[in-house]
N, C-alpha and C. Protein backbone atom coordinates (compact mmCIF):
# COMPACT_ATOMS: atom_id res chain seq x y z
N MET A 1 -32.19 -41.43 45.69
CA MET A 1 -30.81 -41.63 45.25
C MET A 1 -30.23 -40.27 44.89
N SER A 2 -29.05 -39.97 45.39
CA SER A 2 -28.46 -38.66 45.14
C SER A 2 -27.86 -38.63 43.73
N LYS A 3 -27.90 -37.45 43.16
CA LYS A 3 -27.34 -37.28 41.82
C LYS A 3 -25.83 -37.09 41.93
N SER A 4 -25.09 -37.63 40.95
CA SER A 4 -23.65 -37.42 40.91
C SER A 4 -23.36 -36.01 40.41
N ASN A 5 -22.27 -35.44 40.94
CA ASN A 5 -21.89 -34.10 40.49
C ASN A 5 -21.46 -34.16 39.02
N LYS A 6 -21.89 -33.16 38.27
CA LYS A 6 -21.50 -33.12 36.85
C LYS A 6 -20.04 -32.69 36.72
N THR A 7 -19.38 -33.18 35.67
CA THR A 7 -17.98 -32.85 35.43
C THR A 7 -17.86 -31.44 34.88
N ILE A 8 -16.91 -30.65 35.39
CA ILE A 8 -16.65 -29.30 34.88
C ILE A 8 -15.51 -29.37 33.88
N TYR A 9 -15.84 -29.17 32.63
CA TYR A 9 -14.81 -29.14 31.59
C TYR A 9 -14.27 -27.72 31.48
N TYR A 10 -12.98 -27.60 31.25
CA TYR A 10 -12.37 -26.28 31.19
C TYR A 10 -11.20 -26.32 30.20
N ASN A 11 -11.20 -25.38 29.32
CA ASN A 11 -10.14 -25.30 28.31
C ASN A 11 -9.28 -24.07 28.61
N PRO A 12 -8.13 -24.24 29.28
CA PRO A 12 -7.35 -23.07 29.70
C PRO A 12 -6.59 -22.38 28.58
N SER A 13 -6.53 -22.97 27.41
CA SER A 13 -5.75 -22.34 26.34
C SER A 13 -6.18 -22.87 24.99
N SER A 14 -5.77 -22.13 23.94
CA SER A 14 -5.96 -22.59 22.57
C SER A 14 -4.81 -22.04 21.75
N SER A 15 -4.50 -22.69 20.64
CA SER A 15 -3.38 -22.26 19.81
C SER A 15 -3.71 -22.47 18.35
N ILE A 16 -2.95 -21.77 17.50
CA ILE A 16 -3.10 -21.90 16.05
C ILE A 16 -1.78 -22.38 15.48
N ASN A 17 -1.84 -23.45 14.70
CA ASN A 17 -0.65 -24.04 14.10
C ASN A 17 -0.71 -23.81 12.60
N LEU A 18 0.37 -23.26 12.04
CA LEU A 18 0.43 -22.96 10.61
C LEU A 18 1.69 -23.57 10.02
N ASN A 19 1.48 -24.50 9.08
CA ASN A 19 2.60 -25.19 8.43
C ASN A 19 3.58 -25.77 9.44
N GLY A 20 3.04 -26.37 10.49
CA GLY A 20 3.88 -27.00 11.49
C GLY A 20 4.46 -26.06 12.52
N GLN A 21 4.16 -24.78 12.41
CA GLN A 21 4.69 -23.79 13.36
C GLN A 21 3.59 -23.36 14.32
N ASP A 22 3.94 -23.34 15.60
CA ASP A 22 3.03 -22.81 16.62
C ASP A 22 2.99 -21.30 16.45
N LYS A 23 1.91 -20.82 15.81
CA LYS A 23 1.87 -19.42 15.38
C LYS A 23 1.36 -18.49 16.47
N ALA A 24 0.28 -18.85 17.12
CA ALA A 24 -0.32 -17.96 18.11
C ALA A 24 -1.16 -18.78 19.08
N GLY A 25 -1.42 -18.18 20.22
CA GLY A 25 -2.24 -18.88 21.19
C GLY A 25 -2.74 -17.95 22.28
N ILE A 26 -3.73 -18.44 23.01
CA ILE A 26 -4.33 -17.73 24.13
C ILE A 26 -4.28 -18.64 25.35
N SER A 27 -3.89 -18.09 26.49
CA SER A 27 -3.89 -18.82 27.75
C SER A 27 -4.79 -18.10 28.75
N VAL A 28 -5.64 -18.90 29.42
CA VAL A 28 -6.59 -18.35 30.39
C VAL A 28 -6.24 -18.89 31.78
N SER A 29 -6.20 -18.01 32.76
CA SER A 29 -5.92 -18.41 34.14
C SER A 29 -6.81 -17.59 35.06
N PRO A 30 -6.86 -17.96 36.33
CA PRO A 30 -7.65 -17.15 37.28
C PRO A 30 -7.16 -15.72 37.38
N TYR A 31 -5.95 -15.45 36.89
CA TYR A 31 -5.40 -14.10 36.99
C TYR A 31 -5.62 -13.27 35.74
N GLY A 32 -6.20 -13.87 34.71
CA GLY A 32 -6.46 -13.13 33.49
C GLY A 32 -6.15 -13.94 32.25
N THR A 33 -6.16 -13.26 31.11
CA THR A 33 -5.92 -13.90 29.81
C THR A 33 -4.66 -13.31 29.18
N SER A 34 -3.82 -14.15 28.64
CA SER A 34 -2.61 -13.69 27.94
C SER A 34 -2.52 -14.39 26.59
N GLY A 35 -1.85 -13.72 25.67
CA GLY A 35 -1.70 -14.29 24.34
C GLY A 35 -0.27 -14.16 23.84
N TYR A 36 0.07 -14.93 22.83
CA TYR A 36 1.40 -14.84 22.23
C TYR A 36 1.25 -14.99 20.72
N TYR A 37 2.22 -14.44 19.99
CA TYR A 37 2.27 -14.57 18.54
C TYR A 37 3.73 -14.76 18.14
N ASN A 38 4.02 -15.82 17.41
CA ASN A 38 5.39 -16.12 17.01
C ASN A 38 5.61 -15.69 15.56
N MET A 39 6.41 -14.63 15.38
CA MET A 39 6.78 -14.22 14.03
C MET A 39 7.84 -15.15 13.49
N ASP A 40 7.74 -15.50 12.20
CA ASP A 40 8.83 -16.25 11.60
C ASP A 40 9.97 -15.27 11.29
N GLU A 41 11.08 -15.80 10.83
CA GLU A 41 12.28 -14.97 10.66
C GLU A 41 12.06 -13.83 9.67
N SER A 42 11.39 -14.12 8.55
CA SER A 42 11.17 -13.08 7.55
C SER A 42 10.22 -12.00 8.07
N GLU A 43 9.18 -12.41 8.79
CA GLU A 43 8.28 -11.43 9.38
C GLU A 43 9.01 -10.52 10.36
N GLN A 44 9.82 -11.14 11.21
CA GLN A 44 10.54 -10.37 12.23
C GLN A 44 11.52 -9.39 11.58
N ASP A 45 12.23 -9.85 10.54
CA ASP A 45 13.18 -8.98 9.85
C ASP A 45 12.47 -7.79 9.22
N ALA A 46 11.35 -8.06 8.56
CA ALA A 46 10.60 -6.98 7.90
C ALA A 46 10.03 -6.00 8.91
N PHE A 47 9.50 -6.52 10.01
CA PHE A 47 8.93 -5.67 11.05
C PHE A 47 10.01 -4.79 11.68
N ASP A 48 11.16 -5.39 11.98
CA ASP A 48 12.27 -4.63 12.58
C ASP A 48 12.81 -3.59 11.60
N TYR A 49 12.94 -3.97 10.33
CA TYR A 49 13.48 -3.05 9.32
C TYR A 49 12.57 -1.83 9.18
N ALA A 50 11.26 -2.07 9.10
CA ALA A 50 10.32 -0.96 8.96
C ALA A 50 10.42 -0.01 10.15
N GLY A 51 10.54 -0.57 11.35
CA GLY A 51 10.65 0.27 12.53
C GLY A 51 11.95 1.05 12.57
N GLU A 52 13.05 0.39 12.21
CA GLU A 52 14.35 1.05 12.22
C GLU A 52 14.41 2.17 11.18
N GLN A 53 13.90 1.91 9.98
CA GLN A 53 13.92 2.93 8.93
C GLN A 53 13.03 4.12 9.29
N PHE A 54 11.90 3.85 9.91
CA PHE A 54 11.02 4.94 10.33
C PHE A 54 11.73 5.83 11.35
N ALA A 55 12.34 5.19 12.35
CA ALA A 55 13.04 5.95 13.39
C ALA A 55 14.24 6.70 12.82
N LEU A 56 14.92 6.11 11.85
CA LEU A 56 16.11 6.72 11.27
C LEU A 56 15.76 7.93 10.40
N ASN A 57 14.67 7.84 9.64
CA ASN A 57 14.33 8.90 8.69
C ASN A 57 13.50 10.02 9.29
N LEU A 58 12.77 9.74 10.36
CA LEU A 58 11.87 10.75 10.91
C LEU A 58 12.60 12.03 11.33
N PRO A 59 13.73 11.97 12.07
CA PRO A 59 14.39 13.21 12.48
C PRO A 59 14.91 14.05 11.31
N GLU A 60 15.20 13.40 10.18
CA GLU A 60 15.75 14.10 9.01
C GLU A 60 14.70 14.36 7.94
N LEU A 61 13.45 14.26 8.31
CA LEU A 61 12.38 14.33 7.32
C LEU A 61 12.42 15.63 6.53
N ASN A 62 12.57 16.76 7.20
CA ASN A 62 12.55 18.07 6.54
C ASN A 62 13.93 18.71 6.46
N VAL A 63 14.97 17.89 6.58
CA VAL A 63 16.34 18.39 6.54
C VAL A 63 17.02 17.90 5.27
N PHE A 64 17.66 18.82 4.55
CA PHE A 64 18.37 18.47 3.33
C PHE A 64 19.87 18.58 3.57
N ASP A 65 20.57 17.48 3.44
CA ASP A 65 22.01 17.50 3.66
C ASP A 65 22.72 18.11 2.45
N ALA A 66 24.05 18.21 2.55
CA ALA A 66 24.83 18.87 1.51
C ALA A 66 24.70 18.14 0.17
N ASP A 67 24.67 16.81 0.19
CA ASP A 67 24.55 16.05 -1.06
C ASP A 67 23.22 16.33 -1.74
N THR A 68 22.16 16.43 -0.95
CA THR A 68 20.85 16.71 -1.53
C THR A 68 20.81 18.11 -2.11
N GLN A 69 21.40 19.08 -1.41
CA GLN A 69 21.45 20.45 -1.91
C GLN A 69 22.23 20.52 -3.23
N ARG A 70 23.34 19.81 -3.29
CA ARG A 70 24.13 19.79 -4.53
C ARG A 70 23.34 19.16 -5.67
N ARG A 71 22.60 18.14 -5.34
CA ARG A 71 21.77 17.50 -6.39
C ARG A 71 20.73 18.49 -6.92
N PHE A 72 20.11 19.24 -6.01
CA PHE A 72 19.17 20.27 -6.45
C PHE A 72 19.87 21.30 -7.34
N ASP A 73 21.05 21.77 -6.88
CA ASP A 73 21.79 22.79 -7.63
C ASP A 73 22.14 22.29 -9.03
N ASN A 74 22.58 21.05 -9.14
CA ASN A 74 22.95 20.50 -10.44
C ASN A 74 21.74 20.38 -11.35
N GLN A 75 20.61 19.97 -10.79
CA GLN A 75 19.40 19.84 -11.60
C GLN A 75 18.91 21.20 -12.07
N VAL A 76 18.98 22.20 -11.18
CA VAL A 76 18.56 23.55 -11.57
C VAL A 76 19.49 24.12 -12.63
N GLN A 77 20.80 23.90 -12.46
CA GLN A 77 21.75 24.41 -13.45
C GLN A 77 21.54 23.76 -14.81
N SER A 78 21.25 22.47 -14.81
CA SER A 78 20.95 21.78 -16.07
C SER A 78 19.69 22.36 -16.71
N TYR A 79 18.69 22.66 -15.86
CA TYR A 79 17.45 23.26 -16.36
C TYR A 79 17.74 24.62 -16.99
N ILE A 80 18.60 25.45 -16.33
CA ILE A 80 18.94 26.77 -16.86
C ILE A 80 19.72 26.65 -18.16
N ASN A 81 20.68 25.75 -18.18
CA ASN A 81 21.50 25.58 -19.39
C ASN A 81 20.63 25.19 -20.58
N LYS A 82 19.72 24.29 -20.37
CA LYS A 82 18.84 23.89 -21.47
C LYS A 82 17.96 25.05 -21.90
N GLY A 83 17.47 25.82 -20.91
CA GLY A 83 16.63 26.97 -21.24
C GLY A 83 17.37 28.01 -22.04
N VAL A 84 18.64 28.29 -21.65
CA VAL A 84 19.45 29.27 -22.38
C VAL A 84 19.71 28.78 -23.81
N ASP A 85 20.00 27.48 -23.94
CA ASP A 85 20.22 26.93 -25.28
C ASP A 85 18.97 27.07 -26.14
N ASP A 86 17.81 26.81 -25.55
CA ASP A 86 16.56 26.95 -26.31
C ASP A 86 16.32 28.40 -26.73
N ILE A 87 16.62 29.34 -25.82
CA ILE A 87 16.44 30.76 -26.14
C ILE A 87 17.39 31.17 -27.27
N ASN A 88 18.64 30.75 -27.15
CA ASN A 88 19.61 31.10 -28.19
C ASN A 88 19.24 30.48 -29.53
N ASP A 89 18.69 29.27 -29.48
CA ASP A 89 18.27 28.62 -30.73
C ASP A 89 17.18 29.43 -31.43
N ILE A 90 16.39 30.14 -30.67
CA ILE A 90 15.30 30.95 -31.24
C ILE A 90 15.81 32.32 -31.72
N TYR A 91 16.55 33.01 -30.85
CA TYR A 91 16.87 34.43 -31.11
C TYR A 91 18.18 34.64 -31.86
N THR A 92 19.16 33.76 -31.70
CA THR A 92 20.44 33.97 -32.39
C THR A 92 20.29 33.97 -33.91
N PRO A 93 19.56 33.00 -34.49
CA PRO A 93 19.37 33.07 -35.95
C PRO A 93 18.65 34.36 -36.39
N MET A 94 17.70 34.83 -35.58
CA MET A 94 16.99 36.07 -35.93
C MET A 94 17.95 37.26 -35.93
N LEU A 95 18.80 37.33 -34.90
CA LEU A 95 19.76 38.43 -34.82
C LEU A 95 20.78 38.35 -35.95
N ASP A 96 21.26 37.15 -36.23
CA ASP A 96 22.25 36.99 -37.30
C ASP A 96 21.65 37.38 -38.64
N ASP A 97 20.43 36.94 -38.89
CA ASP A 97 19.78 37.26 -40.18
C ASP A 97 19.59 38.76 -40.32
N LEU A 98 19.16 39.41 -39.23
CA LEU A 98 18.92 40.85 -39.31
C LEU A 98 20.24 41.62 -39.49
N GLN A 99 21.29 41.22 -38.77
CA GLN A 99 22.58 41.88 -38.90
C GLN A 99 23.14 41.71 -40.31
N ASN A 100 23.00 40.51 -40.85
CA ASN A 100 23.46 40.28 -42.22
C ASN A 100 22.67 41.11 -43.22
N ASP A 101 21.37 41.24 -42.95
CA ASP A 101 20.52 42.03 -43.84
C ASP A 101 20.94 43.49 -43.79
N ILE A 102 21.22 43.98 -42.58
CA ILE A 102 21.65 45.38 -42.44
C ILE A 102 22.97 45.60 -43.18
N ALA A 103 23.91 44.68 -43.01
CA ALA A 103 25.22 44.82 -43.65
C ALA A 103 25.10 44.78 -45.16
N SER A 104 24.23 43.86 -45.66
CA SER A 104 24.09 43.74 -47.11
C SER A 104 23.39 44.95 -47.72
N ARG A 105 22.51 45.59 -46.96
CA ARG A 105 21.76 46.72 -47.48
C ARG A 105 22.52 48.05 -47.33
N PHE A 106 23.13 48.21 -46.15
CA PHE A 106 23.65 49.53 -45.84
C PHE A 106 25.14 49.55 -45.53
N GLY A 107 25.76 48.38 -45.57
CA GLY A 107 27.18 48.34 -45.26
C GLY A 107 27.41 48.74 -43.83
N ASN A 108 28.31 49.72 -43.64
CA ASN A 108 28.60 50.18 -42.29
C ASN A 108 27.71 51.34 -41.86
N LEU A 109 26.81 51.75 -42.75
CA LEU A 109 25.93 52.87 -42.41
C LEU A 109 24.87 52.42 -41.41
N ASP A 110 24.57 53.31 -40.49
CA ASP A 110 23.57 53.01 -39.48
C ASP A 110 22.20 53.34 -40.04
N ASN A 111 21.27 52.39 -39.90
CA ASN A 111 19.89 52.64 -40.30
C ASN A 111 19.01 52.45 -39.07
N SER A 112 18.34 53.50 -38.68
CA SER A 112 17.62 53.49 -37.40
C SER A 112 16.53 52.43 -37.36
N ILE A 113 15.81 52.21 -38.46
CA ILE A 113 14.70 51.25 -38.47
C ILE A 113 15.22 49.84 -38.20
N PHE A 114 16.27 49.46 -38.90
CA PHE A 114 16.81 48.12 -38.73
C PHE A 114 17.48 47.97 -37.36
N MET A 115 18.14 49.06 -36.93
CA MET A 115 18.76 49.00 -35.61
C MET A 115 17.71 48.89 -34.51
N ASP A 116 16.58 49.55 -34.69
CA ASP A 116 15.48 49.43 -33.73
C ASP A 116 14.97 47.99 -33.68
N ASN A 117 14.86 47.37 -34.86
CA ASN A 117 14.43 45.97 -34.89
C ASN A 117 15.44 45.06 -34.18
N LEU A 118 16.72 45.39 -34.37
CA LEU A 118 17.77 44.61 -33.72
C LEU A 118 17.68 44.75 -32.20
N SER A 119 17.45 45.96 -31.74
CA SER A 119 17.31 46.20 -30.29
C SER A 119 16.08 45.50 -29.74
N GLU A 120 15.03 45.50 -30.53
CA GLU A 120 13.79 44.84 -30.06
C GLU A 120 14.00 43.34 -29.88
N ILE A 121 14.71 42.72 -30.80
CA ILE A 121 14.99 41.29 -30.67
C ILE A 121 15.87 41.02 -29.46
N GLU A 122 16.88 41.90 -29.25
CA GLU A 122 17.74 41.74 -28.08
C GLU A 122 16.94 41.88 -26.79
N ASP A 123 16.00 42.82 -26.77
CA ASP A 123 15.17 43.01 -25.59
C ASP A 123 14.32 41.77 -25.30
N LYS A 124 13.77 41.20 -26.36
CA LYS A 124 12.94 40.01 -26.17
C LYS A 124 13.77 38.82 -25.67
N ARG A 125 15.00 38.74 -26.16
CA ARG A 125 15.87 37.68 -25.66
C ARG A 125 16.20 37.91 -24.19
N ALA A 126 16.43 39.13 -23.79
CA ALA A 126 16.71 39.44 -22.39
C ALA A 126 15.49 39.13 -21.52
N GLU A 127 14.30 39.43 -22.03
CA GLU A 127 13.07 39.11 -21.28
C GLU A 127 12.92 37.60 -21.12
N ALA A 128 13.26 36.85 -22.14
CA ALA A 128 13.16 35.39 -22.08
C ALA A 128 14.14 34.84 -21.05
N VAL A 129 15.34 35.43 -20.99
CA VAL A 129 16.32 34.99 -20.00
C VAL A 129 15.84 35.31 -18.59
N ALA A 130 15.25 36.49 -18.40
CA ALA A 130 14.71 36.86 -17.08
C ALA A 130 13.59 35.91 -16.68
N ALA A 131 12.72 35.58 -17.62
CA ALA A 131 11.63 34.64 -17.33
C ALA A 131 12.18 33.26 -16.99
N LEU A 132 13.26 32.89 -17.65
CA LEU A 132 13.89 31.61 -17.35
C LEU A 132 14.40 31.59 -15.91
N SER A 133 14.93 32.71 -15.46
CA SER A 133 15.42 32.79 -14.08
C SER A 133 14.29 32.55 -13.09
N GLN A 134 13.13 33.13 -13.35
CA GLN A 134 11.95 32.90 -12.50
C GLN A 134 11.51 31.45 -12.57
N ASP A 135 11.53 30.90 -13.77
CA ASP A 135 11.13 29.49 -13.93
C ASP A 135 12.08 28.56 -13.18
N ALA A 136 13.37 28.92 -13.16
CA ALA A 136 14.36 28.09 -12.48
C ALA A 136 14.10 28.06 -10.97
N GLN A 137 13.69 29.22 -10.40
CA GLN A 137 13.36 29.25 -8.98
C GLN A 137 12.15 28.36 -8.68
N ALA A 138 11.14 28.44 -9.56
CA ALA A 138 9.95 27.59 -9.38
C ALA A 138 10.32 26.12 -9.54
N TYR A 139 11.23 25.84 -10.49
CA TYR A 139 11.67 24.47 -10.71
C TYR A 139 12.38 23.92 -9.48
N ARG A 140 13.21 24.74 -8.84
CA ARG A 140 13.90 24.31 -7.63
C ARG A 140 12.89 24.01 -6.51
N GLN A 141 11.86 24.84 -6.38
CA GLN A 141 10.85 24.60 -5.36
C GLN A 141 10.09 23.31 -5.64
N ASP A 142 9.87 23.03 -6.93
CA ASP A 142 9.22 21.76 -7.29
C ASP A 142 10.09 20.57 -6.88
N LEU A 143 11.40 20.71 -7.06
CA LEU A 143 12.31 19.64 -6.64
C LEU A 143 12.22 19.41 -5.14
N VAL A 144 12.18 20.51 -4.37
CA VAL A 144 12.06 20.40 -2.92
C VAL A 144 10.74 19.73 -2.55
N ASN A 145 9.66 20.18 -3.16
CA ASN A 145 8.33 19.63 -2.84
C ASN A 145 8.25 18.14 -3.20
N ASN A 146 8.81 17.77 -4.33
CA ASN A 146 8.79 16.36 -4.73
C ASN A 146 9.61 15.50 -3.78
N GLU A 147 10.75 16.02 -3.34
CA GLU A 147 11.59 15.29 -2.40
C GLU A 147 10.85 15.07 -1.08
N LEU A 148 10.20 16.13 -0.59
CA LEU A 148 9.44 16.01 0.66
C LEU A 148 8.28 15.03 0.50
N ALA A 149 7.58 15.11 -0.63
CA ALA A 149 6.45 14.21 -0.87
C ALA A 149 6.91 12.75 -0.87
N ASN A 150 8.06 12.49 -1.51
CA ASN A 150 8.59 11.12 -1.55
C ASN A 150 8.98 10.64 -0.15
N ARG A 151 9.54 11.54 0.64
CA ARG A 151 9.94 11.15 2.00
C ARG A 151 8.71 10.85 2.86
N TYR A 152 7.71 11.70 2.77
CA TYR A 152 6.49 11.47 3.55
C TYR A 152 5.79 10.20 3.11
N GLU A 153 5.78 9.96 1.81
CA GLU A 153 5.15 8.74 1.30
C GLU A 153 5.88 7.49 1.80
N TYR A 154 7.21 7.57 1.85
CA TYR A 154 8.00 6.43 2.32
C TYR A 154 7.74 6.15 3.79
N LEU A 155 7.72 7.21 4.62
CA LEU A 155 7.44 7.02 6.04
C LEU A 155 6.02 6.52 6.26
N ASN A 156 5.10 7.02 5.46
CA ASN A 156 3.71 6.56 5.58
C ASN A 156 3.60 5.08 5.22
N TYR A 157 4.36 4.66 4.21
CA TYR A 157 4.37 3.24 3.84
C TYR A 157 4.93 2.39 4.97
N LEU A 158 6.05 2.83 5.56
CA LEU A 158 6.65 2.06 6.67
C LEU A 158 5.68 1.96 7.84
N ASN A 159 5.03 3.07 8.16
CA ASN A 159 4.09 3.06 9.29
C ASN A 159 2.90 2.16 9.00
N ASN A 160 2.36 2.26 7.79
CA ASN A 160 1.20 1.42 7.43
C ASN A 160 1.58 -0.05 7.43
N TYR A 161 2.81 -0.35 7.00
CA TYR A 161 3.25 -1.75 6.97
C TYR A 161 3.29 -2.33 8.38
N ARG A 162 3.87 -1.58 9.31
CA ARG A 162 3.93 -2.06 10.69
C ARG A 162 2.53 -2.18 11.29
N GLN A 163 1.67 -1.20 11.01
CA GLN A 163 0.32 -1.25 11.54
C GLN A 163 -0.46 -2.44 10.99
N GLN A 164 -0.22 -2.77 9.71
CA GLN A 164 -0.90 -3.92 9.12
C GLN A 164 -0.43 -5.21 9.75
N MET A 165 0.88 -5.30 10.03
CA MET A 165 1.40 -6.50 10.68
C MET A 165 0.81 -6.65 12.09
N LEU A 166 0.72 -5.53 12.82
CA LEU A 166 0.13 -5.58 14.16
C LEU A 166 -1.34 -5.96 14.08
N SER A 167 -2.03 -5.46 13.06
CA SER A 167 -3.43 -5.82 12.88
C SER A 167 -3.58 -7.31 12.61
N ASN A 168 -2.68 -7.87 11.80
CA ASN A 168 -2.71 -9.30 11.52
C ASN A 168 -2.48 -10.12 12.80
N VAL A 169 -1.57 -9.63 13.63
CA VAL A 169 -1.31 -10.32 14.90
C VAL A 169 -2.56 -10.33 15.76
N LEU A 170 -3.19 -9.15 15.89
CA LEU A 170 -4.39 -9.06 16.72
C LEU A 170 -5.53 -9.91 16.17
N ASN A 171 -5.66 -9.95 14.84
CA ASN A 171 -6.71 -10.79 14.25
C ASN A 171 -6.46 -12.27 14.51
N THR A 172 -5.20 -12.67 14.43
CA THR A 172 -4.86 -14.07 14.70
C THR A 172 -5.14 -14.43 16.16
N LEU A 173 -4.76 -13.53 17.07
CA LEU A 173 -5.04 -13.77 18.49
C LEU A 173 -6.54 -13.79 18.75
N SER A 174 -7.28 -12.94 18.03
CA SER A 174 -8.73 -12.93 18.19
C SER A 174 -9.33 -14.26 17.75
N THR A 175 -8.78 -14.82 16.67
CA THR A 175 -9.24 -16.14 16.22
C THR A 175 -8.94 -17.21 17.26
N SER A 176 -7.76 -17.14 17.86
CA SER A 176 -7.40 -18.10 18.91
C SER A 176 -8.33 -17.95 20.11
N GLN A 177 -8.63 -16.70 20.47
CA GLN A 177 -9.56 -16.47 21.57
C GLN A 177 -10.94 -17.02 21.23
N GLY A 178 -11.35 -16.87 19.97
CA GLY A 178 -12.63 -17.40 19.56
C GLY A 178 -12.68 -18.92 19.66
N LEU A 179 -11.57 -19.57 19.31
CA LEU A 179 -11.52 -21.03 19.45
C LEU A 179 -11.65 -21.45 20.91
N SER A 180 -10.98 -20.71 21.78
CA SER A 180 -11.09 -21.01 23.21
C SER A 180 -12.52 -20.81 23.69
N ASN A 181 -13.14 -19.72 23.27
CA ASN A 181 -14.53 -19.47 23.65
C ASN A 181 -15.46 -20.56 23.13
N LEU A 182 -15.19 -21.00 21.90
CA LEU A 182 -16.00 -22.06 21.30
C LEU A 182 -15.93 -23.33 22.14
N SER A 183 -14.70 -23.70 22.50
CA SER A 183 -14.52 -24.92 23.28
C SER A 183 -15.20 -24.81 24.64
N ASN A 184 -14.97 -23.70 25.33
CA ASN A 184 -15.55 -23.54 26.65
C ASN A 184 -17.07 -23.45 26.61
N SER A 185 -17.59 -22.78 25.56
CA SER A 185 -19.04 -22.69 25.43
C SER A 185 -19.66 -24.06 25.16
N TYR A 186 -18.97 -24.84 24.33
CA TYR A 186 -19.47 -26.18 24.02
C TYR A 186 -19.50 -27.05 25.29
N TYR A 187 -18.39 -27.04 26.04
CA TYR A 187 -18.34 -27.85 27.25
C TYR A 187 -19.34 -27.37 28.30
N SER A 188 -19.53 -26.06 28.36
CA SER A 188 -20.48 -25.52 29.32
C SER A 188 -21.89 -26.01 29.02
N ASN A 189 -22.27 -25.94 27.73
CA ASN A 189 -23.59 -26.42 27.35
C ASN A 189 -23.70 -27.94 27.49
N LEU A 190 -22.63 -28.65 27.19
CA LEU A 190 -22.63 -30.10 27.33
C LEU A 190 -22.82 -30.49 28.79
N ASN A 191 -22.14 -29.81 29.70
CA ASN A 191 -22.30 -30.10 31.11
C ASN A 191 -23.74 -29.85 31.56
N GLY A 192 -24.35 -28.81 30.99
CA GLY A 192 -25.74 -28.54 31.34
C GLY A 192 -26.66 -29.66 30.89
N ILE A 193 -26.37 -30.21 29.71
CA ILE A 193 -27.18 -31.32 29.21
C ILE A 193 -26.99 -32.57 30.05
N LEU A 194 -25.72 -32.86 30.35
CA LEU A 194 -25.43 -34.07 31.14
C LEU A 194 -26.02 -33.98 32.54
N GLY A 195 -26.13 -32.76 33.04
CA GLY A 195 -26.70 -32.58 34.37
C GLY A 195 -28.18 -32.89 34.41
N LYS A 196 -28.81 -32.98 33.21
CA LYS A 196 -30.23 -33.26 33.16
C LYS A 196 -30.53 -34.72 32.86
N GLU A 197 -29.53 -35.57 32.87
CA GLU A 197 -29.73 -36.98 32.49
C GLU A 197 -30.77 -37.67 33.37
N SER A 198 -30.80 -37.32 34.65
CA SER A 198 -31.70 -38.02 35.57
C SER A 198 -33.14 -37.52 35.50
N SER A 199 -33.38 -36.50 34.68
CA SER A 199 -34.74 -35.93 34.64
C SER A 199 -35.70 -36.78 33.83
N GLY A 200 -35.23 -37.68 33.00
CA GLY A 200 -36.14 -38.54 32.24
C GLY A 200 -35.46 -39.14 31.04
N PRO A 201 -36.03 -40.22 30.50
CA PRO A 201 -35.39 -40.95 29.40
C PRO A 201 -35.75 -40.40 28.03
N ASP A 202 -36.60 -39.39 27.96
CA ASP A 202 -37.11 -38.98 26.65
C ASP A 202 -36.29 -37.85 26.02
N ILE A 203 -35.15 -37.44 26.60
CA ILE A 203 -34.36 -36.34 26.06
C ILE A 203 -33.59 -36.82 24.82
N ASP A 204 -33.68 -36.06 23.73
CA ASP A 204 -32.93 -36.35 22.51
C ASP A 204 -31.55 -35.72 22.63
N TYR A 205 -30.58 -36.49 23.16
CA TYR A 205 -29.26 -35.93 23.44
C TYR A 205 -28.51 -35.57 22.17
N ALA A 206 -28.70 -36.32 21.10
CA ALA A 206 -28.01 -36.00 19.84
C ALA A 206 -28.44 -34.63 19.34
N ARG A 207 -29.77 -34.38 19.42
CA ARG A 207 -30.28 -33.08 18.98
C ARG A 207 -29.74 -31.95 19.86
N LEU A 208 -29.69 -32.22 21.16
CA LEU A 208 -29.22 -31.19 22.08
C LEU A 208 -27.73 -30.91 21.88
N LEU A 209 -26.95 -31.93 21.59
CA LEU A 209 -25.53 -31.73 21.35
C LEU A 209 -25.30 -30.91 20.07
N ASP A 210 -26.11 -31.20 19.03
CA ASP A 210 -26.01 -30.40 17.80
C ASP A 210 -26.34 -28.94 18.08
N ALA A 211 -27.38 -28.72 18.85
CA ALA A 211 -27.77 -27.35 19.20
C ALA A 211 -26.68 -26.68 20.02
N THR A 212 -26.05 -27.45 20.91
CA THR A 212 -24.97 -26.90 21.74
C THR A 212 -23.80 -26.45 20.88
N LEU A 213 -23.41 -27.29 19.91
CA LEU A 213 -22.30 -26.93 19.03
C LEU A 213 -22.64 -25.70 18.19
N SER A 214 -23.87 -25.61 17.68
CA SER A 214 -24.29 -24.46 16.89
C SER A 214 -24.23 -23.18 17.71
N ALA A 215 -24.67 -23.26 18.95
CA ALA A 215 -24.63 -22.09 19.82
C ALA A 215 -23.20 -21.69 20.12
N ALA A 216 -22.34 -22.68 20.30
CA ALA A 216 -20.95 -22.37 20.63
C ALA A 216 -20.23 -21.72 19.45
N MET A 217 -20.62 -22.09 18.22
CA MET A 217 -19.96 -21.52 17.02
C MET A 217 -20.16 -20.02 16.94
N MET A 218 -21.16 -19.50 17.61
CA MET A 218 -21.43 -18.06 17.58
C MET A 218 -20.32 -17.28 18.26
N PHE A 219 -19.45 -17.94 19.02
CA PHE A 219 -18.36 -17.26 19.70
C PHE A 219 -17.15 -17.07 18.81
N ILE A 220 -17.15 -17.66 17.61
CA ILE A 220 -16.03 -17.46 16.68
C ILE A 220 -16.18 -16.08 16.08
N PRO A 221 -15.15 -15.20 16.16
CA PRO A 221 -15.27 -13.85 15.60
C PRO A 221 -15.33 -13.89 14.09
N ALA A 222 -16.07 -12.93 13.53
CA ALA A 222 -16.21 -12.87 12.07
C ALA A 222 -14.93 -12.36 11.44
């Protein structure tokens, strides 16, 4: 008696459904494998926004427009004004006290010792102002560096966000592919078992089917 041909089971596609939405799927044909991923509206908006902002900011990354330059200038001027006020708060009382002391002691007469002390205080105030000028230049460079760091951090965030979304898409498609592999592997092993039906009555088909399913589960990606 001839054996009947075994049935060839084939699963040409698989899909993932999330909260009623067809999220992703894999289709298999003799011409190859293709996949799709459906972004919801919020995902699409966020993905598009990140891409648009990256493209918009990249050409201007190291360019400071007039408004930014003015902001730097205003911050530096505020820094200088505060520094000058602090210097005057220190040295003006010293100069006033010394001048009053000279006037009370000697009237309009010149005293070289006190005048030397007065000149020394004036020199120290001038040195403090000169040092403030150097500090202001360093402060401006810090403003530039901080602005650049913030811009690079923002672009890096946008790029990482898009890359993470793409990674999520690929992982979802990989899961769909794994489901398809699981199904096809299960049917392939099942067909092999059914093809052996005529070999004898002692085969434990339940055990073999369990083993087939366990083997097929190995195709699910971790």
